[in-house]
Amino acid sequence: MRKAIIFLVCCMTLVAAQAQRVTRNYRDVSIADALRQLAEESRDYTIYFLYNELEDFTITTHVKNKPVPEAIRQMIGFYPIRMTQGEKGEIYVECINKTEHHLKGLVVDENNLPLPYANVTLLNPADSTMVGGGVTNESGRFVIPNDHGKVLARITYVGYKPAYRQCARDNVGTIKMQPDQFTLNGVTVKGSKQLTRPTSRGILANVQGTVPRCCLTCP
């Protein structure tokens, strides 16, 4: 019995070692083109997708020594794209929101460097209700399904002021974010520490250089 277990473990290790792995550098490459290349080179998986549905979604990422399904998940990132696997090596990749038009753009910081993982929310200009949204990828680009015509795009990123753009076209171009801070007499102010906090005995004030005292009369 012991020999059989050892033999089984060895076989499993050999199969795992032979599984196809992917190492690729992608720079502003369409996911459709990347998937087509993987489908042509893959010996373990059959990849199904609609080229026209995914050609607008571009990626910039480095995939290092990953199995094909994990490589595809990394490529998808925060895009509204879903990947499912079958029992016999089938991989299905599709856009979650199937629309005729996609709103595309690039978000950069004050130095024109890409801002990855910025939130992009699409609002109805009439009443500011949310009609869609997405997140920028590693290269600061976003692609959001949109069949609502004119929308108001709200872009937010930690440490930066929210940016707004009226969008009536499929490509809104580059959106430059501005730091959310101000300068006073040569000192940059980014935030402040809370000096008071509520307790069961009242409000506790914490003043630097003094012993914390309760601001209310305590029993």
N, C-alpha and C. Protein backbone atom coordinates (compact mmCIF):
# COMPACT_ATOMS: atom_id res chain seq x y z
N MET A 1 0.84 -1.21 0.00
CA MET A 1 0.00 0.00 0.00
C MET A 1 0.87 1.25 0.00
N ARG A 2 1.94 1.21 0.76
CA ARG A 2 2.81 2.38 0.83
C ARG A 2 3.43 2.70 -0.52
N LYS A 3 3.84 1.65 -1.28
CA LYS A 3 4.43 1.87 -2.59
C LYS A 3 3.42 2.48 -3.54
N ALA A 4 2.17 2.04 -3.43
CA ALA A 4 1.13 2.58 -4.32
C ALA A 4 0.90 4.05 -4.05
N ILE A 5 0.91 4.45 -2.78
CA ILE A 5 0.72 5.85 -2.43
C ILE A 5 1.87 6.69 -2.96
N ILE A 6 3.09 6.19 -2.80
CA ILE A 6 4.26 6.92 -3.29
C ILE A 6 4.20 7.06 -4.80
N PHE A 7 3.78 5.99 -5.50
CA PHE A 7 3.67 6.03 -6.95
C PHE A 7 2.62 7.04 -7.39
N LEU A 8 1.49 7.08 -6.67
CA LEU A 8 0.43 8.02 -7.01
C LEU A 8 0.89 9.46 -6.83
N VAL A 9 1.59 9.75 -5.75
CA VAL A 9 2.10 11.08 -5.50
C VAL A 9 3.09 11.49 -6.58
N CYS A 10 3.94 10.57 -6.99
CA CYS A 10 4.92 10.87 -8.04
C CYS A 10 4.23 11.20 -9.35
N CYS A 11 3.16 10.44 -9.67
CA CYS A 11 2.44 10.71 -10.92
C CYS A 11 1.79 12.08 -10.89
N MET A 12 1.18 12.45 -9.74
CA MET A 12 0.55 13.75 -9.62
C MET A 12 1.57 14.86 -9.75
N THR A 13 2.75 14.68 -9.17
CA THR A 13 3.82 15.68 -9.26
C THR A 13 4.28 15.85 -10.70
N LEU A 14 4.38 14.73 -11.43
CA LEU A 14 4.83 14.79 -12.81
C LEU A 14 3.82 15.53 -13.68
N VAL A 15 2.52 15.26 -13.48
CA VAL A 15 1.49 15.95 -14.25
C VAL A 15 1.50 17.45 -13.97
N ALA A 16 1.66 17.82 -12.68
CA ALA A 16 1.69 19.23 -12.32
C ALA A 16 2.88 19.92 -12.95
N ALA A 17 4.04 19.20 -13.00
CA ALA A 17 5.25 19.81 -13.56
C ALA A 17 5.12 20.02 -15.06
N GLN A 18 4.29 19.17 -15.72
CA GLN A 18 4.16 19.27 -17.16
C GLN A 18 3.05 20.24 -17.60
N ALA A 19 2.27 20.74 -16.64
CA ALA A 19 1.19 21.66 -16.99
C ALA A 19 1.76 22.92 -17.64
N GLN A 20 1.09 23.40 -18.67
CA GLN A 20 1.56 24.56 -19.41
C GLN A 20 1.49 25.82 -18.57
N ARG A 21 2.54 26.59 -18.57
CA ARG A 21 2.60 27.85 -17.84
C ARG A 21 2.93 28.98 -18.82
N VAL A 22 2.55 30.18 -18.45
CA VAL A 22 2.65 31.32 -19.36
C VAL A 22 3.51 32.41 -18.75
N THR A 23 4.43 32.95 -19.55
CA THR A 23 5.20 34.13 -19.19
C THR A 23 5.12 35.10 -20.36
N ARG A 24 4.53 36.26 -20.12
CA ARG A 24 4.31 37.23 -21.19
C ARG A 24 4.42 38.66 -20.66
N ASN A 25 4.87 39.56 -21.53
CA ASN A 25 4.80 40.99 -21.27
C ASN A 25 3.80 41.60 -22.23
N TYR A 26 2.77 42.24 -21.70
CA TYR A 26 1.76 42.89 -22.52
C TYR A 26 1.81 44.40 -22.29
N ARG A 27 1.82 45.15 -23.35
CA ARG A 27 1.81 46.60 -23.25
C ARG A 27 0.82 47.17 -24.25
N ASP A 28 -0.28 47.69 -23.74
CA ASP A 28 -1.35 48.24 -24.57
C ASP A 28 -1.77 47.26 -25.66
N VAL A 29 -1.97 46.02 -25.23
CA VAL A 29 -2.38 44.95 -26.14
C VAL A 29 -3.86 44.64 -25.89
N SER A 30 -4.62 44.44 -26.95
CA SER A 30 -6.02 44.07 -26.80
C SER A 30 -6.12 42.69 -26.17
N ILE A 31 -7.05 42.54 -25.21
CA ILE A 31 -7.27 41.22 -24.61
C ILE A 31 -7.65 40.21 -25.68
N ALA A 32 -8.38 40.64 -26.69
CA ALA A 32 -8.77 39.73 -27.77
C ALA A 32 -7.53 39.18 -28.48
N ASP A 33 -6.54 40.03 -28.75
CA ASP A 33 -5.31 39.56 -29.39
C ASP A 33 -4.51 38.65 -28.46
N ALA A 34 -4.47 39.00 -27.16
CA ALA A 34 -3.74 38.17 -26.20
C ALA A 34 -4.39 36.79 -26.07
N LEU A 35 -5.71 36.74 -26.04
CA LEU A 35 -6.41 35.46 -25.94
C LEU A 35 -6.22 34.63 -27.22
N ARG A 36 -6.23 35.29 -28.35
CA ARG A 36 -6.02 34.57 -29.61
C ARG A 36 -4.64 33.91 -29.64
N GLN A 37 -3.63 34.62 -29.14
CA GLN A 37 -2.29 34.05 -29.09
C GLN A 37 -2.24 32.86 -28.13
N LEU A 38 -2.86 33.02 -26.96
CA LEU A 38 -2.89 31.91 -26.00
C LEU A 38 -3.62 30.71 -26.58
N ALA A 39 -4.72 30.95 -27.28
CA ALA A 39 -5.50 29.85 -27.85
C ALA A 39 -4.68 29.08 -28.89
N GLU A 40 -3.88 29.81 -29.68
CA GLU A 40 -3.06 29.16 -30.71
C GLU A 40 -1.93 28.34 -30.10
N GLU A 41 -1.42 28.78 -28.94
CA GLU A 41 -0.26 28.11 -28.35
C GLU A 41 -0.62 27.11 -27.26
N SER A 42 -1.85 27.15 -26.77
CA SER A 42 -2.23 26.29 -25.66
C SER A 42 -2.44 24.85 -26.11
N ARG A 43 -1.90 23.92 -25.35
CA ARG A 43 -2.10 22.50 -25.64
C ARG A 43 -3.02 21.83 -24.62
N ASP A 44 -3.29 22.54 -23.51
CA ASP A 44 -4.10 21.96 -22.43
C ASP A 44 -5.51 22.53 -22.38
N TYR A 45 -5.73 23.70 -23.03
CA TYR A 45 -7.02 24.38 -22.92
C TYR A 45 -7.51 24.81 -24.30
N THR A 46 -8.84 24.87 -24.42
CA THR A 46 -9.48 25.44 -25.60
C THR A 46 -10.19 26.71 -25.15
N ILE A 47 -9.80 27.85 -25.72
CA ILE A 47 -10.30 29.14 -25.27
C ILE A 47 -11.36 29.66 -26.25
N TYR A 48 -12.54 29.96 -25.72
CA TYR A 48 -13.64 30.46 -26.52
C TYR A 48 -13.93 31.91 -26.13
N PHE A 49 -14.04 32.80 -27.13
CA PHE A 49 -14.39 34.20 -26.90
C PHE A 49 -14.80 34.84 -28.21
N LEU A 50 -15.48 35.98 -28.12
CA LEU A 50 -15.85 36.75 -29.30
C LEU A 50 -14.86 37.90 -29.45
N TYR A 51 -14.15 37.93 -30.56
CA TYR A 51 -13.10 38.93 -30.76
C TYR A 51 -13.66 40.35 -30.67
N ASN A 52 -14.75 40.63 -31.38
CA ASN A 52 -15.31 41.98 -31.41
C ASN A 52 -15.79 42.44 -30.04
N GLU A 53 -16.14 41.50 -29.19
CA GLU A 53 -16.65 41.84 -27.87
C GLU A 53 -15.54 42.31 -26.93
N LEU A 54 -14.30 41.87 -27.17
CA LEU A 54 -13.20 42.13 -26.24
C LEU A 54 -12.08 42.98 -26.83
N GLU A 55 -12.18 43.38 -28.09
CA GLU A 55 -11.06 44.06 -28.73
C GLU A 55 -10.78 45.45 -28.15
N ASP A 56 -11.78 46.09 -27.54
CA ASP A 56 -11.57 47.43 -26.98
C ASP A 56 -10.83 47.40 -25.63
N PHE A 57 -10.78 46.25 -24.99
CA PHE A 57 -10.16 46.15 -23.67
C PHE A 57 -8.66 45.89 -23.83
N THR A 58 -7.86 46.91 -23.54
CA THR A 58 -6.41 46.78 -23.67
C THR A 58 -5.76 46.52 -22.32
N ILE A 59 -4.63 45.85 -22.33
CA ILE A 59 -3.94 45.48 -21.08
C ILE A 59 -2.47 45.86 -21.15
N THR A 60 -1.93 46.19 -20.01
CA THR A 60 -0.49 46.38 -19.82
C THR A 60 -0.13 45.66 -18.53
N THR A 61 0.48 44.51 -18.65
CA THR A 61 0.78 43.72 -17.46
C THR A 61 1.88 42.71 -17.77
N HIS A 62 2.51 42.19 -16.71
CA HIS A 62 3.55 41.17 -16.85
C HIS A 62 3.07 39.89 -16.20
N VAL A 63 2.87 38.87 -17.01
CA VAL A 63 2.46 37.55 -16.51
C VAL A 63 3.72 36.69 -16.39
N LYS A 64 3.95 36.17 -15.21
CA LYS A 64 5.18 35.42 -14.97
C LYS A 64 4.87 34.00 -14.49
N ASN A 65 5.15 33.05 -15.35
CA ASN A 65 5.12 31.62 -14.99
C ASN A 65 3.82 31.21 -14.31
N LYS A 66 2.69 31.51 -14.96
CA LYS A 66 1.39 31.16 -14.40
C LYS A 66 0.66 30.19 -15.31
N PRO A 67 -0.16 29.31 -14.74
CA PRO A 67 -1.02 28.48 -15.58
C PRO A 67 -1.94 29.35 -16.42
N VAL A 68 -2.41 28.80 -17.54
CA VAL A 68 -3.22 29.58 -18.47
C VAL A 68 -4.42 30.24 -17.80
N PRO A 69 -5.23 29.53 -16.98
CA PRO A 69 -6.39 30.20 -16.36
C PRO A 69 -5.98 31.37 -15.46
N GLU A 70 -4.90 31.21 -14.68
CA GLU A 70 -4.46 32.31 -13.81
C GLU A 70 -3.93 33.47 -14.63
N ALA A 71 -3.26 33.17 -15.75
CA ALA A 71 -2.77 34.23 -16.63
C ALA A 71 -3.94 35.04 -17.19
N ILE A 72 -5.02 34.37 -17.57
CA ILE A 72 -6.18 35.07 -18.11
C ILE A 72 -6.83 35.92 -17.03
N ARG A 73 -6.93 35.39 -15.81
CA ARG A 73 -7.51 36.18 -14.71
C ARG A 73 -6.71 37.45 -14.46
N GLN A 74 -5.38 37.35 -14.52
CA GLN A 74 -4.55 38.54 -14.34
C GLN A 74 -4.77 39.53 -15.46
N MET A 75 -4.91 39.04 -16.67
CA MET A 75 -5.16 39.92 -17.81
C MET A 75 -6.49 40.65 -17.66
N ILE A 76 -7.50 39.95 -17.18
CA ILE A 76 -8.83 40.56 -17.02
C ILE A 76 -8.81 41.66 -15.98
N GLY A 77 -8.15 41.41 -14.85
CA GLY A 77 -8.07 42.42 -13.79
C GLY A 77 -9.45 42.85 -13.33
N PHE A 78 -9.70 44.17 -13.34
CA PHE A 78 -10.98 44.72 -12.90
C PHE A 78 -11.94 45.00 -14.06
N TYR A 79 -11.59 44.56 -15.25
CA TYR A 79 -12.48 44.77 -16.38
C TYR A 79 -13.79 43.99 -16.18
N PRO A 80 -14.90 44.47 -16.75
CA PRO A 80 -16.17 43.75 -16.64
C PRO A 80 -16.20 42.54 -17.56
N ILE A 81 -15.29 41.62 -17.31
CA ILE A 81 -15.13 40.42 -18.13
C ILE A 81 -15.17 39.20 -17.22
N ARG A 82 -15.84 38.16 -17.66
CA ARG A 82 -15.97 36.95 -16.85
C ARG A 82 -15.29 35.77 -17.54
N MET A 83 -14.59 34.96 -16.74
CA MET A 83 -13.97 33.74 -17.25
C MET A 83 -14.55 32.54 -16.52
N THR A 84 -14.99 31.53 -17.27
CA THR A 84 -15.48 30.29 -16.68
C THR A 84 -14.75 29.12 -17.33
N GLN A 85 -14.65 28.03 -16.59
CA GLN A 85 -13.94 26.85 -17.07
C GLN A 85 -14.88 25.66 -17.15
N GLY A 86 -14.69 24.84 -18.19
CA GLY A 86 -15.43 23.60 -18.34
C GLY A 86 -14.67 22.44 -17.73
N GLU A 87 -15.24 21.27 -17.83
CA GLU A 87 -14.63 20.09 -17.20
C GLU A 87 -13.55 19.45 -18.07
N LYS A 88 -13.48 19.82 -19.34
CA LYS A 88 -12.54 19.18 -20.25
C LYS A 88 -11.54 20.18 -20.82
N GLY A 89 -11.20 21.20 -20.04
CA GLY A 89 -10.21 22.17 -20.48
C GLY A 89 -10.75 23.32 -21.26
N GLU A 90 -12.08 23.48 -21.30
CA GLU A 90 -12.65 24.62 -22.01
C GLU A 90 -12.57 25.86 -21.12
N ILE A 91 -12.21 26.99 -21.72
CA ILE A 91 -12.21 28.28 -21.04
C ILE A 91 -13.06 29.25 -21.85
N TYR A 92 -14.06 29.83 -21.19
CA TYR A 92 -14.95 30.77 -21.85
C TYR A 92 -14.71 32.17 -21.28
N VAL A 93 -14.45 33.13 -22.14
CA VAL A 93 -14.19 34.51 -21.72
C VAL A 93 -15.20 35.41 -22.42
N GLU A 94 -15.94 36.20 -21.64
CA GLU A 94 -16.96 37.06 -22.23
C GLU A 94 -17.13 38.33 -21.42
N CYS A 95 -17.58 39.38 -22.09
CA CYS A 95 -17.89 40.64 -21.43
C CYS A 95 -19.20 40.48 -20.67
N ILE A 96 -19.21 40.96 -19.42
CA ILE A 96 -20.41 40.80 -18.59
C ILE A 96 -21.55 41.64 -19.13
N ASN A 97 -21.27 42.91 -19.46
CA ASN A 97 -22.30 43.81 -19.98
C ASN A 97 -22.10 43.96 -21.48
N LYS A 98 -22.94 43.31 -22.23
CA LYS A 98 -22.80 43.33 -23.69
C LYS A 98 -23.50 44.56 -24.25
N THR A 99 -22.71 45.53 -24.70
CA THR A 99 -23.24 46.76 -25.28
C THR A 99 -22.53 47.03 -26.61
N GLU A 100 -23.15 47.84 -27.41
CA GLU A 100 -22.55 48.18 -28.71
C GLU A 100 -21.39 49.15 -28.54
N HIS A 101 -21.46 50.01 -27.52
CA HIS A 101 -20.44 51.03 -27.33
C HIS A 101 -19.71 50.84 -26.00
N HIS A 102 -18.43 51.22 -26.00
CA HIS A 102 -17.60 51.19 -24.80
C HIS A 102 -16.99 52.58 -24.59
N LEU A 103 -17.06 53.06 -23.35
CA LEU A 103 -16.44 54.35 -23.02
C LEU A 103 -15.01 54.08 -22.57
N LYS A 104 -14.04 54.68 -23.28
CA LYS A 104 -12.63 54.42 -23.02
C LYS A 104 -11.91 55.71 -22.61
N GLY A 105 -10.87 55.57 -21.81
CA GLY A 105 -10.09 56.73 -21.40
C GLY A 105 -8.84 56.34 -20.66
N LEU A 106 -8.02 57.35 -20.36
CA LEU A 106 -6.76 57.17 -19.64
C LEU A 106 -6.72 58.15 -18.48
N VAL A 107 -6.39 57.66 -17.27
CA VAL A 107 -6.31 58.50 -16.08
C VAL A 107 -4.84 58.59 -15.66
N VAL A 108 -4.34 59.85 -15.51
CA VAL A 108 -2.95 60.07 -15.12
C VAL A 108 -2.89 61.01 -13.93
N ASP A 109 -1.72 61.06 -13.26
CA ASP A 109 -1.54 61.95 -12.13
C ASP A 109 -1.00 63.30 -12.60
N GLU A 110 -0.59 64.13 -11.64
CA GLU A 110 -0.13 65.48 -12.00
C GLU A 110 1.18 65.46 -12.79
N ASN A 111 1.89 64.33 -12.77
CA ASN A 111 3.13 64.19 -13.54
C ASN A 111 2.94 63.39 -14.82
N ASN A 112 1.68 63.20 -15.20
CA ASN A 112 1.30 62.46 -16.41
C ASN A 112 1.67 60.99 -16.34
N LEU A 113 1.76 60.44 -15.13
CA LEU A 113 2.00 59.01 -14.95
C LEU A 113 0.66 58.30 -14.76
N PRO A 114 0.52 57.10 -15.30
CA PRO A 114 -0.77 56.39 -15.21
C PRO A 114 -1.17 56.14 -13.75
N LEU A 115 -2.46 56.24 -13.48
CA LEU A 115 -3.00 55.94 -12.15
C LEU A 115 -3.79 54.63 -12.23
N PRO A 116 -3.20 53.53 -11.75
CA PRO A 116 -3.94 52.27 -11.76
C PRO A 116 -4.97 52.21 -10.64
N TYR A 117 -6.05 51.48 -10.87
CA TYR A 117 -7.08 51.21 -9.87
C TYR A 117 -7.85 52.47 -9.43
N ALA A 118 -7.93 53.46 -10.30
CA ALA A 118 -8.80 54.61 -10.04
C ALA A 118 -10.24 54.20 -10.34
N ASN A 119 -11.18 54.71 -9.55
CA ASN A 119 -12.59 54.40 -9.74
C ASN A 119 -13.22 55.36 -10.74
N VAL A 120 -13.93 54.81 -11.71
CA VAL A 120 -14.63 55.61 -12.72
C VAL A 120 -16.12 55.29 -12.64
N THR A 121 -16.92 56.29 -12.28
CA THR A 121 -18.36 56.10 -12.15
C THR A 121 -19.08 56.90 -13.22
N LEU A 122 -20.00 56.27 -13.93
CA LEU A 122 -20.78 56.96 -14.96
C LEU A 122 -22.12 57.36 -14.37
N LEU A 123 -22.44 58.66 -14.49
CA LEU A 123 -23.66 59.20 -13.92
C LEU A 123 -24.57 59.75 -15.01
N ASN A 124 -25.87 59.70 -14.74
CA ASN A 124 -26.83 60.34 -15.63
C ASN A 124 -26.77 61.85 -15.40
N PRO A 125 -26.45 62.67 -16.42
CA PRO A 125 -26.32 64.11 -16.21
C PRO A 125 -27.59 64.78 -15.70
N ALA A 126 -28.74 64.17 -15.94
CA ALA A 126 -30.01 64.78 -15.56
C ALA A 126 -30.26 64.72 -14.06
N ASP A 127 -29.96 63.56 -13.45
CA ASP A 127 -30.27 63.40 -12.02
C ASP A 127 -29.13 62.79 -11.21
N SER A 128 -27.95 62.61 -11.82
CA SER A 128 -26.76 62.09 -11.15
C SER A 128 -26.91 60.65 -10.65
N THR A 129 -27.85 59.91 -11.19
CA THR A 129 -27.96 58.50 -10.83
C THR A 129 -26.85 57.71 -11.55
N MET A 130 -26.39 56.67 -10.91
CA MET A 130 -25.31 55.86 -11.46
C MET A 130 -25.84 54.95 -12.56
N VAL A 131 -25.16 54.96 -13.72
CA VAL A 131 -25.58 54.13 -14.84
C VAL A 131 -24.50 53.13 -15.25
N GLY A 132 -23.34 53.20 -14.61
CA GLY A 132 -22.26 52.27 -14.93
C GLY A 132 -21.00 52.65 -14.18
N GLY A 133 -19.98 51.84 -14.35
CA GLY A 133 -18.72 52.14 -13.66
C GLY A 133 -17.65 51.10 -13.94
N GLY A 134 -16.43 51.44 -13.52
CA GLY A 134 -15.31 50.52 -13.71
C GLY A 134 -14.09 51.02 -12.97
N VAL A 135 -12.95 50.34 -13.18
CA VAL A 135 -11.69 50.65 -12.52
C VAL A 135 -10.59 50.66 -13.57
N THR A 136 -9.65 51.59 -13.45
CA THR A 136 -8.53 51.62 -14.39
C THR A 136 -7.61 50.43 -14.16
N ASN A 137 -6.95 49.99 -15.23
CA ASN A 137 -6.03 48.87 -15.11
C ASN A 137 -4.63 49.36 -14.75
N GLU A 138 -3.63 48.50 -14.87
CA GLU A 138 -2.27 48.85 -14.46
C GLU A 138 -1.68 50.00 -15.26
N SER A 139 -2.18 50.22 -16.46
CA SER A 139 -1.68 51.31 -17.30
C SER A 139 -2.56 52.55 -17.22
N GLY A 140 -3.50 52.57 -16.25
CA GLY A 140 -4.36 53.74 -16.06
C GLY A 140 -5.52 53.83 -17.03
N ARG A 141 -5.75 52.80 -17.83
CA ARG A 141 -6.82 52.84 -18.81
C ARG A 141 -8.09 52.16 -18.28
N PHE A 142 -9.23 52.65 -18.76
CA PHE A 142 -10.50 52.03 -18.42
C PHE A 142 -11.34 51.85 -19.67
N VAL A 143 -12.15 50.82 -19.65
CA VAL A 143 -13.11 50.54 -20.72
C VAL A 143 -14.39 50.12 -20.03
N ILE A 144 -15.47 50.90 -20.24
CA ILE A 144 -16.73 50.65 -19.56
C ILE A 144 -17.85 50.51 -20.59
N PRO A 145 -18.57 49.42 -20.57
CA PRO A 145 -19.72 49.29 -21.48
C PRO A 145 -20.71 50.43 -21.24
N ASN A 146 -21.14 51.07 -22.33
CA ASN A 146 -22.02 52.23 -22.17
C ASN A 146 -22.89 52.42 -23.40
N ASP A 147 -24.18 52.24 -23.22
CA ASP A 147 -25.14 52.52 -24.29
C ASP A 147 -26.11 53.62 -23.88
N HIS A 148 -25.69 54.47 -22.94
CA HIS A 148 -26.55 55.53 -22.43
C HIS A 148 -26.35 56.86 -23.14
N GLY A 149 -25.44 56.89 -24.12
CA GLY A 149 -25.19 58.15 -24.81
C GLY A 149 -24.37 59.09 -23.94
N LYS A 150 -24.86 60.34 -23.78
CA LYS A 150 -24.12 61.32 -22.99
C LYS A 150 -24.19 60.95 -21.50
N VAL A 151 -23.03 60.91 -20.84
CA VAL A 151 -22.95 60.60 -19.41
C VAL A 151 -21.95 61.55 -18.75
N LEU A 152 -22.01 61.61 -17.43
CA LEU A 152 -21.05 62.37 -16.64
C LEU A 152 -20.14 61.37 -15.94
N ALA A 153 -18.85 61.39 -16.28
CA ALA A 153 -17.90 60.47 -15.67
C ALA A 153 -17.27 61.12 -14.44
N ARG A 154 -17.31 60.41 -13.32
CA ARG A 154 -16.70 60.87 -12.07
C ARG A 154 -15.53 59.95 -11.75
N ILE A 155 -14.32 60.54 -11.66
CA ILE A 155 -13.10 59.76 -11.44
C ILE A 155 -12.57 60.09 -10.05
N THR A 156 -12.34 59.08 -9.24
CA THR A 156 -11.83 59.27 -7.88
C THR A 156 -10.63 58.38 -7.64
N TYR A 157 -9.72 58.93 -6.82
CA TYR A 157 -8.50 58.20 -6.45
C TYR A 157 -8.02 58.77 -5.12
N VAL A 158 -7.61 57.90 -4.22
CA VAL A 158 -7.19 58.34 -2.89
C VAL A 158 -6.05 59.34 -2.99
N GLY A 159 -6.20 60.51 -2.34
CA GLY A 159 -5.17 61.54 -2.36
C GLY A 159 -5.33 62.55 -3.48
N TYR A 160 -6.39 62.39 -4.30
CA TYR A 160 -6.60 63.30 -5.43
C TYR A 160 -8.04 63.83 -5.40
N LYS A 161 -8.20 65.02 -5.95
CA LYS A 161 -9.53 65.61 -6.04
C LYS A 161 -10.36 64.84 -7.08
N PRO A 162 -11.65 64.66 -6.83
CA PRO A 162 -12.50 64.02 -7.84
C PRO A 162 -12.50 64.83 -9.13
N ALA A 163 -12.49 64.14 -10.25
CA ALA A 163 -12.54 64.79 -11.56
C ALA A 163 -13.84 64.41 -12.25
N TYR A 164 -14.40 65.35 -13.01
CA TYR A 164 -15.66 65.12 -13.71
C TYR A 164 -15.48 65.43 -15.20
N ARG A 165 -16.08 64.61 -16.04
CA ARG A 165 -16.03 64.84 -17.48
C ARG A 165 -17.39 64.51 -18.10
N GLN A 166 -17.89 65.47 -18.91
CA GLN A 166 -19.07 65.20 -19.71
C GLN A 166 -18.62 64.38 -20.92
N CYS A 167 -19.22 63.23 -21.13
CA CYS A 167 -18.76 62.32 -22.17
C CYS A 167 -19.89 62.04 -23.16
N ALA A 168 -19.63 62.35 -24.40
CA ALA A 168 -20.62 62.07 -25.45
C ALA A 168 -20.02 61.19 -26.53
N ARG A 169 -18.75 60.84 -26.38
CA ARG A 169 -18.08 60.01 -27.37
C ARG A 169 -17.60 58.72 -26.73
N ASP A 170 -17.14 57.78 -27.55
CA ASP A 170 -16.64 56.52 -27.02
C ASP A 170 -15.28 56.67 -26.35
N ASN A 171 -14.49 57.66 -26.78
CA ASN A 171 -13.16 57.86 -26.21
C ASN A 171 -13.07 59.24 -25.58
N VAL A 172 -12.87 59.29 -24.25
CA VAL A 172 -12.82 60.59 -23.56
C VAL A 172 -11.40 61.13 -23.46
N GLY A 173 -10.42 60.38 -23.96
CA GLY A 173 -9.04 60.86 -23.95
C GLY A 173 -8.38 60.73 -22.58
N THR A 174 -7.46 61.65 -22.28
CA THR A 174 -6.69 61.61 -21.04
C THR A 174 -7.31 62.51 -19.98
N ILE A 175 -7.45 61.98 -18.78
CA ILE A 175 -7.99 62.73 -17.64
C ILE A 175 -6.87 62.89 -16.62
N LYS A 176 -6.49 64.15 -16.36
CA LYS A 176 -5.38 64.43 -15.45
C LYS A 176 -5.93 64.77 -14.07
N MET A 177 -5.50 64.03 -13.06
CA MET A 177 -5.97 64.24 -11.69
C MET A 177 -5.06 65.24 -10.97
N GLN A 178 -5.65 65.96 -9.99
CA GLN A 178 -4.91 66.94 -9.21
C GLN A 178 -4.88 66.50 -7.74
N PRO A 179 -3.71 66.64 -7.07
CA PRO A 179 -3.61 66.23 -5.66
C PRO A 179 -4.62 66.95 -4.78
N ASP A 180 -5.16 66.24 -3.81
CA ASP A 180 -6.14 66.80 -2.89
C ASP A 180 -5.41 67.32 -1.65
N GLN A 181 -4.77 68.48 -1.78
CA GLN A 181 -4.04 69.09 -0.69
C GLN A 181 -3.91 70.58 -0.97
N PHE A 182 -3.58 71.36 0.05
CA PHE A 182 -3.38 72.79 -0.15
C PHE A 182 -2.19 73.25 0.69
N THR A 183 -1.61 74.38 0.30
CA THR A 183 -0.41 74.89 0.95
C THR A 183 -0.72 76.16 1.72
N LEU A 184 -0.23 76.26 2.95
CA LEU A 184 -0.44 77.43 3.79
C LEU A 184 0.90 77.87 4.37
N ASN A 185 1.37 79.04 3.92
CA ASN A 185 2.66 79.59 4.38
C ASN A 185 3.80 78.59 4.21
N GLY A 186 3.82 77.95 3.07
CA GLY A 186 4.91 77.03 2.77
C GLY A 186 4.76 75.66 3.39
N VAL A 187 3.66 75.40 4.11
CA VAL A 187 3.44 74.10 4.74
C VAL A 187 2.32 73.40 3.99
N THR A 188 2.57 72.17 3.56
CA THR A 188 1.56 71.39 2.86
C THR A 188 0.70 70.66 3.87
N VAL A 189 -0.60 70.89 3.80
CA VAL A 189 -1.54 70.27 4.72
C VAL A 189 -2.23 69.12 4.02
N LYS A 190 -2.11 67.91 4.56
CA LYS A 190 -2.72 66.73 3.95
C LYS A 190 -3.80 66.12 4.83
N GLY A 191 -3.86 66.45 6.11
CA GLY A 191 -4.86 65.88 7.01
C GLY A 191 -4.58 66.33 8.42
N SER A 192 -5.41 65.92 9.33
CA SER A 192 -5.24 66.29 10.73
C SER A 192 -5.66 65.14 11.62
N LYS A 193 -5.08 65.11 12.80
CA LYS A 193 -5.37 64.06 13.77
C LYS A 193 -6.52 64.50 14.66
N GLN A 194 -7.43 63.56 14.95
CA GLN A 194 -8.55 63.87 15.81
C GLN A 194 -8.07 64.11 17.23
N LEU A 195 -8.43 65.28 17.80
CA LEU A 195 -7.97 65.64 19.14
C LEU A 195 -8.96 65.28 20.23
N THR A 196 -10.16 64.93 19.87
CA THR A 196 -11.16 64.53 20.87
C THR A 196 -11.80 63.23 20.45
N ARG A 197 -12.29 62.52 21.48
CA ARG A 197 -13.03 61.29 21.19
C ARG A 197 -14.02 61.05 22.31
N PRO A 198 -15.19 60.51 21.98
CA PRO A 198 -16.20 60.25 23.00
C PRO A 198 -15.83 59.04 23.84
N THR A 199 -16.14 59.11 25.14
CA THR A 199 -15.94 57.98 26.05
C THR A 199 -17.21 57.82 26.87
N SER A 200 -17.25 56.78 27.68
CA SER A 200 -18.41 56.54 28.52
C SER A 200 -18.58 57.59 29.60
N ARG A 201 -17.51 58.39 29.84
CA ARG A 201 -17.55 59.40 30.90
C ARG A 201 -17.64 60.82 30.34
N GLY A 202 -17.66 60.96 29.03
CA GLY A 202 -17.73 62.29 28.44
C GLY A 202 -16.88 62.37 27.19
N ILE A 203 -16.33 63.53 26.88
CA ILE A 203 -15.46 63.73 25.71
C ILE A 203 -14.03 63.89 26.19
N LEU A 204 -13.14 63.05 25.68
CA LEU A 204 -11.74 63.07 26.08
C LEU A 204 -10.95 63.92 25.11
N ALA A 205 -10.28 64.99 25.62
CA ALA A 205 -9.46 65.88 24.79
C ALA A 205 -8.00 65.49 24.95
N ASN A 206 -7.32 65.34 23.81
CA ASN A 206 -5.92 64.97 23.81
C ASN A 206 -5.10 66.13 23.25
N VAL A 207 -4.48 66.93 24.15
CA VAL A 207 -3.68 68.08 23.75
C VAL A 207 -2.21 67.73 23.97
N GLN A 208 -1.41 67.94 22.91
CA GLN A 208 -0.01 67.58 22.98
C GLN A 208 0.69 68.27 24.16
N GLY A 209 1.42 67.48 24.93
CA GLY A 209 2.17 68.01 26.07
C GLY A 209 1.39 68.08 27.36
N THR A 210 0.13 67.63 27.34
CA THR A 210 -0.68 67.65 28.55
C THR A 210 -1.27 66.28 28.81
N VAL A 211 -1.71 66.06 30.02
CA VAL A 211 -2.38 64.82 30.36
C VAL A 211 -3.81 64.89 29.85
N PRO A 212 -4.31 63.87 29.12
CA PRO A 212 -5.67 63.93 28.62
C PRO A 212 -6.68 64.16 29.73
N ARG A 213 -7.60 65.11 29.51
CA ARG A 213 -8.61 65.43 30.51
C ARG A 213 -10.02 65.31 29.90
N CYS A 214 -10.94 64.96 30.74
CA CYS A 214 -12.33 64.85 30.31
C CYS A 214 -12.94 66.26 30.25
N CYS A 215 -13.59 66.59 29.12
CA CYS A 215 -14.14 67.94 28.93
C CYS A 215 -15.47 68.13 29.65
N LEU A 216 -16.12 67.07 30.03
CA LEU A 216 -17.39 67.18 30.73
C LEU A 216 -17.20 66.78 32.19
N THR A 217 -18.09 67.24 33.03
CA THR A 217 -18.02 66.89 34.46
C THR A 217 -18.29 65.43 34.62
N CYS A 218 -17.36 64.74 35.24
CA CYS A 218 -17.48 63.30 35.41
C CYS A 218 -17.93 63.00 36.81
N PRO A 219 -18.76 61.98 37.04
CA PRO A 219 -19.20 61.64 38.38
C PRO A 219 -18.08 61.03 39.20
